[in-house]
Amino acid sequence: MNRRHDFQPSVTVLIGIGGLFDWVSSVERAADVLLTWPQHGIAWNAAVDMCRRAMEGAATAGQARRAFVEAALAKGNLVQG
């Protein structure tokens, strides 16, 4: 079964060059976005791990969202979280 784990509310981050935005509204999308970031750090590692755990049912979407927001803050990509 392919189940989506929605974020409430979505998280807005900058992506790429040119000021493009992405509205991340699920654990699965957050994981996809994280894997596009070229620089990794402690917050990135924690967010990837938390997204994986949420998709496995060992963490909540809210926990994954918080970790994703922290990673976006650390990268300087958070617009609204």
N, C-alpha and C. Protein backbone atom coordinates (compact mmCIF):
# COMPACT_ATOMS: atom_id res chain seq x y z
N MET A 1 0.85 -1.17 0.00
CA MET A 1 0.00 0.00 0.00
C MET A 1 0.90 1.24 0.00
N ASN A 2 0.59 2.19 -0.86
CA ASN A 2 1.35 3.43 -0.95
C ASN A 2 0.53 4.53 -0.28
N ARG A 3 0.87 4.84 0.94
CA ARG A 3 0.13 5.82 1.72
C ARG A 3 0.92 7.10 1.86
N ARG A 4 0.27 8.22 1.66
CA ARG A 4 0.92 9.53 1.83
C ARG A 4 0.75 10.00 3.25
N HIS A 5 1.76 10.66 3.77
CA HIS A 5 1.76 11.19 5.13
C HIS A 5 1.79 12.72 5.03
N ASP A 6 0.62 13.33 5.13
CA ASP A 6 0.48 14.76 4.87
C ASP A 6 1.01 15.63 6.01
N PHE A 7 1.57 16.78 5.61
CA PHE A 7 1.98 17.83 6.55
C PHE A 7 0.81 18.78 6.72
N GLN A 8 0.61 19.25 7.94
CA GLN A 8 -0.38 20.28 8.22
C GLN A 8 0.25 21.34 9.10
N PRO A 9 0.47 22.53 8.63
CA PRO A 9 0.32 22.99 7.24
C PRO A 9 1.55 22.63 6.42
N SER A 10 1.48 22.92 5.13
CA SER A 10 2.62 22.66 4.25
C SER A 10 3.78 23.59 4.62
N VAL A 11 4.96 23.23 4.14
CA VAL A 11 6.18 24.01 4.39
C VAL A 11 6.65 24.58 3.06
N THR A 12 6.91 25.88 3.00
CA THR A 12 7.37 26.52 1.78
C THR A 12 8.88 26.70 1.85
N VAL A 13 9.57 26.17 0.83
CA VAL A 13 11.03 26.27 0.77
C VAL A 13 11.46 26.79 -0.59
N LEU A 14 12.63 27.41 -0.62
CA LEU A 14 13.25 27.81 -1.88
C LEU A 14 13.90 26.59 -2.50
N ILE A 15 13.77 26.47 -3.82
CA ILE A 15 14.44 25.38 -4.52
C ILE A 15 15.21 25.94 -5.70
N GLY A 16 16.34 25.37 -5.96
CA GLY A 16 17.10 25.75 -7.14
C GLY A 16 17.54 27.20 -7.13
N ILE A 17 17.90 27.65 -8.32
CA ILE A 17 18.37 29.01 -8.52
C ILE A 17 17.23 29.82 -9.13
N GLY A 18 17.12 31.07 -8.75
CA GLY A 18 16.11 31.92 -9.36
C GLY A 18 14.92 32.19 -8.46
N GLY A 19 14.98 31.76 -7.21
CA GLY A 19 13.91 32.07 -6.28
C GLY A 19 12.63 31.29 -6.48
N LEU A 20 12.73 30.07 -7.00
CA LEU A 20 11.54 29.24 -7.14
C LEU A 20 11.15 28.65 -5.80
N PHE A 21 9.85 28.53 -5.56
CA PHE A 21 9.34 28.00 -4.31
C PHE A 21 8.78 26.59 -4.53
N ASP A 22 8.77 25.81 -3.47
CA ASP A 22 8.09 24.51 -3.47
C ASP A 22 7.27 24.45 -2.18
N TRP A 23 6.02 24.05 -2.30
CA TRP A 23 5.16 23.87 -1.16
C TRP A 23 5.17 22.39 -0.83
N VAL A 24 5.87 22.04 0.22
CA VAL A 24 6.06 20.65 0.62
C VAL A 24 4.93 20.27 1.56
N SER A 25 4.10 19.32 1.14
CA SER A 25 2.91 19.01 1.92
C SER A 25 2.84 17.57 2.39
N SER A 26 3.94 16.82 2.26
CA SER A 26 3.93 15.45 2.74
C SER A 26 5.34 14.99 3.09
N VAL A 27 5.40 13.95 3.89
CA VAL A 27 6.68 13.34 4.25
C VAL A 27 7.42 12.88 3.00
N GLU A 28 6.68 12.28 2.09
CA GLU A 28 7.29 11.75 0.87
C GLU A 28 7.91 12.85 0.02
N ARG A 29 7.22 13.99 -0.10
CA ARG A 29 7.76 15.11 -0.86
C ARG A 29 8.96 15.72 -0.14
N ALA A 30 8.89 15.79 1.19
CA ALA A 30 10.03 16.31 1.96
C ALA A 30 11.26 15.45 1.72
N ALA A 31 11.10 14.13 1.72
CA ALA A 31 12.23 13.24 1.47
C ALA A 31 12.80 13.48 0.08
N ASP A 32 11.92 13.63 -0.91
CA ASP A 32 12.38 13.91 -2.28
C ASP A 32 13.18 15.21 -2.33
N VAL A 33 12.67 16.25 -1.69
CA VAL A 33 13.33 17.55 -1.69
C VAL A 33 14.68 17.46 -0.99
N LEU A 34 14.72 16.81 0.16
CA LEU A 34 15.98 16.66 0.89
C LEU A 34 17.05 16.00 0.04
N LEU A 35 16.67 15.02 -0.75
CA LEU A 35 17.65 14.29 -1.56
C LEU A 35 18.19 15.11 -2.72
N THR A 36 17.60 16.27 -2.99
CA THR A 36 18.12 17.15 -4.05
C THR A 36 19.13 18.15 -3.52
N TRP A 37 19.23 18.29 -2.19
CA TRP A 37 20.13 19.28 -1.61
C TRP A 37 21.56 18.77 -1.67
N PRO A 38 22.47 19.54 -2.26
CA PRO A 38 23.85 19.06 -2.42
C PRO A 38 24.66 19.06 -1.14
N GLN A 39 24.32 19.91 -0.19
CA GLN A 39 25.09 19.98 1.06
C GLN A 39 24.29 19.33 2.18
N HIS A 40 24.95 18.44 2.90
CA HIS A 40 24.28 17.73 3.98
C HIS A 40 24.94 18.09 5.30
N GLY A 41 24.16 18.05 6.35
CA GLY A 41 24.68 18.35 7.69
C GLY A 41 23.86 17.59 8.71
N ILE A 42 24.04 17.97 9.96
CA ILE A 42 23.35 17.28 11.06
C ILE A 42 21.83 17.37 10.92
N ALA A 43 21.32 18.57 10.64
CA ALA A 43 19.87 18.75 10.51
C ALA A 43 19.34 17.98 9.31
N TRP A 44 20.09 17.95 8.21
CA TRP A 44 19.69 17.19 7.02
C TRP A 44 19.61 15.70 7.36
N ASN A 45 20.64 15.18 8.03
CA ASN A 45 20.65 13.77 8.41
C ASN A 45 19.46 13.43 9.30
N ALA A 46 19.17 14.30 10.26
CA ALA A 46 18.05 14.07 11.16
C ALA A 46 16.72 14.08 10.40
N ALA A 47 16.58 15.00 9.45
CA ALA A 47 15.34 15.09 8.68
C ALA A 47 15.14 13.87 7.78
N VAL A 48 16.20 13.45 7.12
CA VAL A 48 16.10 12.25 6.27
C VAL A 48 15.71 11.05 7.12
N ASP A 49 16.36 10.90 8.26
CA ASP A 49 16.05 9.78 9.15
C ASP A 49 14.60 9.85 9.64
N MET A 50 14.15 11.04 10.01
CA MET A 50 12.78 11.18 10.52
C MET A 50 11.75 10.93 9.42
N CYS A 51 12.03 11.35 8.19
CA CYS A 51 11.13 11.06 7.08
C CYS A 51 11.05 9.55 6.84
N ARG A 52 12.19 8.90 6.87
CA ARG A 52 12.22 7.44 6.69
C ARG A 52 11.40 6.76 7.79
N ARG A 53 11.61 7.19 9.03
CA ARG A 53 10.87 6.60 10.15
C ARG A 53 9.37 6.83 10.03
N ALA A 54 8.99 8.03 9.58
CA ALA A 54 7.55 8.32 9.41
C ALA A 54 6.95 7.44 8.32
N MET A 55 7.67 7.24 7.23
CA MET A 55 7.14 6.38 6.16
C MET A 55 7.03 4.93 6.60
N GLU A 56 7.86 4.55 7.57
CA GLU A 56 7.81 3.18 8.11
C GLU A 56 6.79 3.04 9.24
N GLY A 57 6.22 4.16 9.69
CA GLY A 57 5.23 4.13 10.77
C GLY A 57 5.83 4.25 12.16
N ALA A 58 7.13 4.53 12.25
CA ALA A 58 7.80 4.64 13.55
C ALA A 58 7.86 6.07 14.06
N ALA A 59 7.40 7.03 13.27
CA ALA A 59 7.34 8.44 13.67
C ALA A 59 6.11 9.05 13.00
N THR A 60 5.71 10.22 13.47
CA THR A 60 4.53 10.88 12.90
C THR A 60 4.94 11.85 11.79
N ALA A 61 3.97 12.23 10.99
CA ALA A 61 4.21 13.24 9.96
C ALA A 61 4.60 14.56 10.61
N GLY A 62 4.04 14.86 11.78
CA GLY A 62 4.39 16.08 12.49
C GLY A 62 5.85 16.10 12.93
N GLN A 63 6.36 14.97 13.38
CA GLN A 63 7.77 14.89 13.75
C GLN A 63 8.66 15.07 12.52
N ALA A 64 8.28 14.46 11.42
CA ALA A 64 9.05 14.59 10.18
C ALA A 64 8.99 16.04 9.69
N ARG A 65 7.84 16.67 9.82
CA ARG A 65 7.69 18.07 9.39
C ARG A 65 8.63 18.96 10.20
N ARG A 66 8.65 18.78 11.52
CA ARG A 66 9.53 19.59 12.37
C ARG A 66 10.99 19.40 11.98
N ALA A 67 11.40 18.18 11.72
CA ALA A 67 12.79 17.91 11.32
C ALA A 67 13.09 18.53 9.97
N PHE A 68 12.12 18.49 9.04
CA PHE A 68 12.30 19.09 7.72
C PHE A 68 12.44 20.61 7.84
N VAL A 69 11.62 21.23 8.68
CA VAL A 69 11.71 22.68 8.91
C VAL A 69 13.09 23.04 9.46
N GLU A 70 13.58 22.27 10.42
CA GLU A 70 14.91 22.53 10.98
C GLU A 70 16.00 22.41 9.92
N ALA A 71 15.88 21.42 9.05
CA ALA A 71 16.87 21.24 7.97
C ALA A 71 16.80 22.41 6.99
N ALA A 72 15.58 22.85 6.66
CA ALA A 72 15.42 23.99 5.74
C ALA A 72 15.97 25.27 6.37
N LEU A 73 15.75 25.45 7.67
CA LEU A 73 16.31 26.60 8.38
C LEU A 73 17.84 26.57 8.32
N ALA A 74 18.42 25.41 8.61
CA ALA A 74 19.86 25.26 8.62
C ALA A 74 20.46 25.54 7.24
N LYS A 75 19.74 25.17 6.20
CA LYS A 75 20.22 25.39 4.83
C LYS A 75 19.96 26.82 4.37
N GLY A 76 19.05 27.52 5.02
CA GLY A 76 18.68 28.87 4.61
C GLY A 76 17.62 28.89 3.52
N ASN A 77 16.87 27.79 3.40
CA ASN A 77 15.86 27.67 2.35
C ASN A 77 14.43 27.82 2.85
N LEU A 78 14.24 27.97 4.15
CA LEU A 78 12.89 28.05 4.67
C LEU A 78 12.26 29.40 4.33
N VAL A 79 11.08 29.36 3.72
CA VAL A 79 10.31 30.57 3.43
C VAL A 79 9.21 30.70 4.47
N GLN A 80 8.46 29.61 4.65
CA GLN A 80 7.38 29.60 5.66
C GLN A 80 7.23 28.20 6.18
N GLY A 81 7.27 28.06 7.48
CA GLY A 81 7.16 26.74 8.06
C GLY A 81 6.29 26.76 9.26
